[in-house]
Structures are given as C-alpha cells and as structure tokens.
Amino acid sequence: MGFIGTQQLVLILLIVLVLFGAKRVPELAKGLGAGIREFKKAAKEIQQDAALDTAKQASEISPSSESNSNGDKELS
C-alpha cells in the first residue's frame, strides 16, 4: 500500500484522457513539468542561501571572543 501499480496508473491516465481530451493532456503535462522545474529551482536557491548564511555566521565568530576554561572572556 502506498505505491501506485501499473493497473492503477493506466486507470488514472484513462480517466484523465476522458476528462480532458487528447488535445489538452500534453498541455497539462507541459504545465506540470514547468511547475515542478520551478519548484526545484526555488528549493535549490533556498538551500544555497541557507548554506551561505551558515558560512557567514561561522566566519563572524572570531576565536578571540570564545571563552576560556574559567568561563571568562580572553583578553587580547
């Protein structure tokens, strides 16, 4: 349960064909493909932005501002 088998996939495709017609199905598939492509592009940009933010935050932490074993700030 959870995976679509061959018979279910064929049935779904036949229903879509009957509902929308043979001329409309390629247009729907093209639109669906463009939507998926745009979603992947946006997700990739978000991941890159998050990686840059993480790297920027890591570079902002300087070694001189870390605490020593006593919990006091080190004097430079």
N, C-alpha and C. Protein backbone atom coordinates (compact mmCIF):
# COMPACT_ATOMS: atom_id res chain seq x y z
N MET A 1 0.84 -1.17 0.00
CA MET A 1 0.00 0.00 0.00
C MET A 1 0.88 1.24 0.00
N GLY A 2 0.57 2.21 -0.82
CA GLY A 2 1.40 3.40 -0.87
C GLY A 2 2.00 3.62 -2.24
N PHE A 3 2.30 2.54 -2.95
CA PHE A 3 2.85 2.66 -4.28
C PHE A 3 1.75 2.43 -5.31
N ILE A 4 1.82 3.17 -6.40
CA ILE A 4 0.83 3.00 -7.46
C ILE A 4 1.33 1.93 -8.41
N GLY A 5 0.50 0.93 -8.63
CA GLY A 5 0.85 -0.15 -9.54
C GLY A 5 0.55 0.23 -10.98
N THR A 6 0.90 -0.64 -11.89
CA THR A 6 0.71 -0.39 -13.31
C THR A 6 -0.76 -0.26 -13.66
N GLN A 7 -1.59 -1.13 -13.12
CA GLN A 7 -3.01 -1.08 -13.42
C GLN A 7 -3.64 0.22 -12.92
N GLN A 8 -3.28 0.66 -11.73
CA GLN A 8 -3.82 1.90 -11.19
C GLN A 8 -3.36 3.10 -12.03
N LEU A 9 -2.11 3.07 -12.46
CA LEU A 9 -1.58 4.15 -13.27
C LEU A 9 -2.31 4.24 -14.61
N VAL A 10 -2.55 3.11 -15.26
CA VAL A 10 -3.28 3.07 -16.52
C VAL A 10 -4.69 3.59 -16.32
N LEU A 11 -5.34 3.19 -15.25
CA LEU A 11 -6.70 3.66 -14.97
C LEU A 11 -6.74 5.17 -14.77
N ILE A 12 -5.79 5.71 -14.04
CA ILE A 12 -5.71 7.15 -13.81
C ILE A 12 -5.50 7.88 -15.13
N LEU A 13 -4.60 7.37 -15.96
CA LEU A 13 -4.34 8.01 -17.26
C LEU A 13 -5.57 7.99 -18.15
N LEU A 14 -6.32 6.88 -18.14
CA LEU A 14 -7.55 6.80 -18.93
C LEU A 14 -8.60 7.80 -18.44
N ILE A 15 -8.73 7.95 -17.14
CA ILE A 15 -9.69 8.91 -16.57
C ILE A 15 -9.29 10.33 -16.97
N VAL A 16 -8.01 10.65 -16.88
CA VAL A 16 -7.53 11.97 -17.27
C VAL A 16 -7.81 12.21 -18.76
N LEU A 17 -7.56 11.20 -19.58
CA LEU A 17 -7.81 11.32 -21.02
C LEU A 17 -9.28 11.57 -21.32
N VAL A 18 -10.16 10.87 -20.62
CA VAL A 18 -11.59 11.05 -20.83
C VAL A 18 -12.05 12.43 -20.35
N LEU A 19 -11.56 12.86 -19.21
CA LEU A 19 -11.98 14.14 -18.65
C LEU A 19 -11.50 15.34 -19.46
N PHE A 20 -10.25 15.31 -19.90
CA PHE A 20 -9.65 16.48 -20.53
C PHE A 20 -9.52 16.38 -22.05
N GLY A 21 -9.54 15.21 -22.61
CA GLY A 21 -9.39 15.05 -24.05
C GLY A 21 -7.94 14.92 -24.46
N ALA A 22 -7.74 14.35 -25.64
CA ALA A 22 -6.39 14.05 -26.13
C ALA A 22 -5.57 15.31 -26.42
N LYS A 23 -6.23 16.39 -26.83
CA LYS A 23 -5.50 17.62 -27.16
C LYS A 23 -5.05 18.37 -25.92
N ARG A 24 -5.76 18.23 -24.84
CA ARG A 24 -5.48 19.00 -23.62
C ARG A 24 -4.42 18.34 -22.73
N VAL A 25 -4.28 17.02 -22.81
CA VAL A 25 -3.36 16.30 -21.93
C VAL A 25 -1.91 16.76 -22.11
N PRO A 26 -1.37 16.93 -23.34
CA PRO A 26 0.01 17.42 -23.47
C PRO A 26 0.22 18.81 -22.87
N GLU A 27 -0.79 19.67 -22.97
CA GLU A 27 -0.69 21.00 -22.37
C GLU A 27 -0.63 20.90 -20.85
N LEU A 28 -1.43 20.01 -20.29
CA LEU A 28 -1.41 19.81 -18.83
C LEU A 28 -0.07 19.27 -18.37
N ALA A 29 0.47 18.32 -19.13
CA ALA A 29 1.77 17.73 -18.77
C ALA A 29 2.87 18.78 -18.86
N LYS A 30 2.81 19.63 -19.88
CA LYS A 30 3.81 20.68 -20.03
C LYS A 30 3.75 21.66 -18.85
N GLY A 31 2.54 22.04 -18.47
CA GLY A 31 2.38 22.94 -17.32
C GLY A 31 2.85 22.31 -16.02
N LEU A 32 2.55 21.03 -15.86
CA LEU A 32 3.00 20.31 -14.66
C LEU A 32 4.53 20.24 -14.61
N GLY A 33 5.14 19.97 -15.75
CA GLY A 33 6.60 19.92 -15.82
C GLY A 33 7.24 21.26 -15.49
N ALA A 34 6.65 22.34 -16.01
CA ALA A 34 7.18 23.67 -15.72
C ALA A 34 7.04 24.00 -14.23
N GLY A 35 5.93 23.60 -13.64
CA GLY A 35 5.74 23.84 -12.21
C GLY A 35 6.74 23.08 -11.35
N ILE A 36 6.98 21.84 -11.70
CA ILE A 36 7.97 21.03 -10.96
C ILE A 36 9.35 21.62 -11.11
N ARG A 37 9.70 22.04 -12.32
CA ARG A 37 11.01 22.64 -12.58
C ARG A 37 11.19 23.91 -11.74
N GLU A 38 10.17 24.76 -11.69
CA GLU A 38 10.23 26.00 -10.91
C GLU A 38 10.36 25.70 -9.42
N PHE A 39 9.64 24.68 -8.94
CA PHE A 39 9.72 24.30 -7.53
C PHE A 39 11.12 23.83 -7.17
N LYS A 40 11.72 23.00 -8.03
CA LYS A 40 13.08 22.52 -7.77
C LYS A 40 14.08 23.67 -7.77
N LYS A 41 13.89 24.62 -8.69
CA LYS A 41 14.79 25.77 -8.76
C LYS A 41 14.71 26.59 -7.47
N ALA A 42 13.49 26.84 -7.00
CA ALA A 42 13.31 27.61 -5.76
C ALA A 42 13.89 26.87 -4.56
N ALA A 43 13.69 25.56 -4.50
CA ALA A 43 14.24 24.78 -3.39
C ALA A 43 15.76 24.81 -3.40
N LYS A 44 16.35 24.76 -4.59
CA LYS A 44 17.81 24.80 -4.69
C LYS A 44 18.34 26.17 -4.24
N GLU A 45 17.64 27.24 -4.62
CA GLU A 45 18.06 28.59 -4.20
C GLU A 45 17.97 28.75 -2.69
N ILE A 46 16.94 28.20 -2.08
CA ILE A 46 16.79 28.28 -0.63
C ILE A 46 17.92 27.53 0.07
N GLN A 47 18.27 26.36 -0.45
CA GLN A 47 19.37 25.60 0.14
C GLN A 47 20.69 26.35 0.02
N GLN A 48 20.92 26.99 -1.13
CA GLN A 48 22.16 27.75 -1.31
C GLN A 48 22.19 28.96 -0.38
N ASP A 49 21.07 29.65 -0.24
CA ASP A 49 21.01 30.79 0.68
C ASP A 49 21.26 30.36 2.12
N ALA A 50 20.69 29.23 2.51
CA ALA A 50 20.89 28.73 3.87
C ALA A 50 22.35 28.37 4.09
N ALA A 51 22.98 27.77 3.10
CA ALA A 51 24.40 27.40 3.22
C ALA A 51 25.27 28.65 3.33
N LEU A 52 24.95 29.68 2.55
CA LEU A 52 25.71 30.93 2.63
C LEU A 52 25.53 31.61 3.98
N ASP A 53 24.31 31.62 4.50
CA ASP A 53 24.05 32.22 5.80
C ASP A 53 24.80 31.48 6.90
N THR A 54 24.82 30.16 6.83
CA THR A 54 25.54 29.36 7.82
C THR A 54 27.03 29.64 7.76
N ALA A 55 27.58 29.73 6.56
CA ALA A 55 29.01 30.01 6.40
C ALA A 55 29.33 31.42 6.89
N LYS A 56 28.43 32.37 6.63
CA LYS A 56 28.65 33.74 7.07
C LYS A 56 28.64 33.83 8.59
N GLN A 57 27.69 33.15 9.22
CA GLN A 57 27.62 33.15 10.67
C GLN A 57 28.84 32.48 11.29
N ALA A 58 29.33 31.42 10.68
CA ALA A 58 30.51 30.74 11.20
C ALA A 58 31.75 31.62 11.09
N SER A 59 31.84 32.41 10.01
CA SER A 59 33.01 33.28 9.85
C SER A 59 32.96 34.50 10.76
N GLU A 60 31.75 34.88 11.21
CA GLU A 60 31.62 36.03 12.10
C GLU A 60 32.08 35.71 13.52
N ILE A 61 32.10 34.45 13.89
CA ILE A 61 32.54 34.06 15.22
C ILE A 61 34.06 34.04 15.21
N SER A 62 34.66 34.94 15.96
CA SER A 62 36.12 35.01 15.98
C SER A 62 36.66 34.21 17.16
N PRO A 63 37.86 33.66 17.02
CA PRO A 63 38.44 32.86 18.10
C PRO A 63 38.68 33.66 19.38
N SER A 64 38.91 34.98 19.28
CA SER A 64 39.20 35.78 20.47
C SER A 64 37.96 36.01 21.33
N SER A 65 36.77 35.79 20.78
CA SER A 65 35.57 36.02 21.57
C SER A 65 35.09 34.75 22.28
N GLU A 66 35.78 33.65 22.09
CA GLU A 66 35.39 32.41 22.76
C GLU A 66 35.87 32.44 24.22
N SER A 67 35.18 31.73 25.07
CA SER A 67 35.52 31.70 26.49
C SER A 67 36.65 30.72 26.75
N ASN A 68 37.44 30.99 27.79
CA ASN A 68 38.47 30.04 28.19
C ASN A 68 37.88 29.04 29.19
N SER A 69 38.69 28.21 29.78
CA SER A 69 38.18 27.16 30.65
C SER A 69 37.52 27.70 31.92
N ASN A 70 37.85 28.93 32.34
CA ASN A 70 37.24 29.52 33.53
C ASN A 70 35.90 30.17 33.23
N GLY A 71 35.53 30.27 31.98
CA GLY A 71 34.28 30.90 31.62
C GLY A 71 34.40 32.39 31.43
N ASP A 72 35.62 32.94 31.59
CA ASP A 72 35.85 34.38 31.39
C ASP A 72 36.26 34.60 29.95
N LYS A 73 36.04 35.83 29.50
CA LYS A 73 36.49 36.22 28.16
C LYS A 73 38.01 36.36 28.20
N GLU A 74 38.62 35.91 27.09
CA GLU A 74 40.06 36.08 27.00
C GLU A 74 40.39 37.52 26.65
N LEU A 75 41.47 38.00 27.17
CA LEU A 75 41.94 39.34 26.86
C LEU A 75 42.95 39.27 25.75
N SER A 76 42.78 40.11 24.75
CA SER A 76 43.69 40.09 23.60
C SER A 76 44.76 41.12 23.76
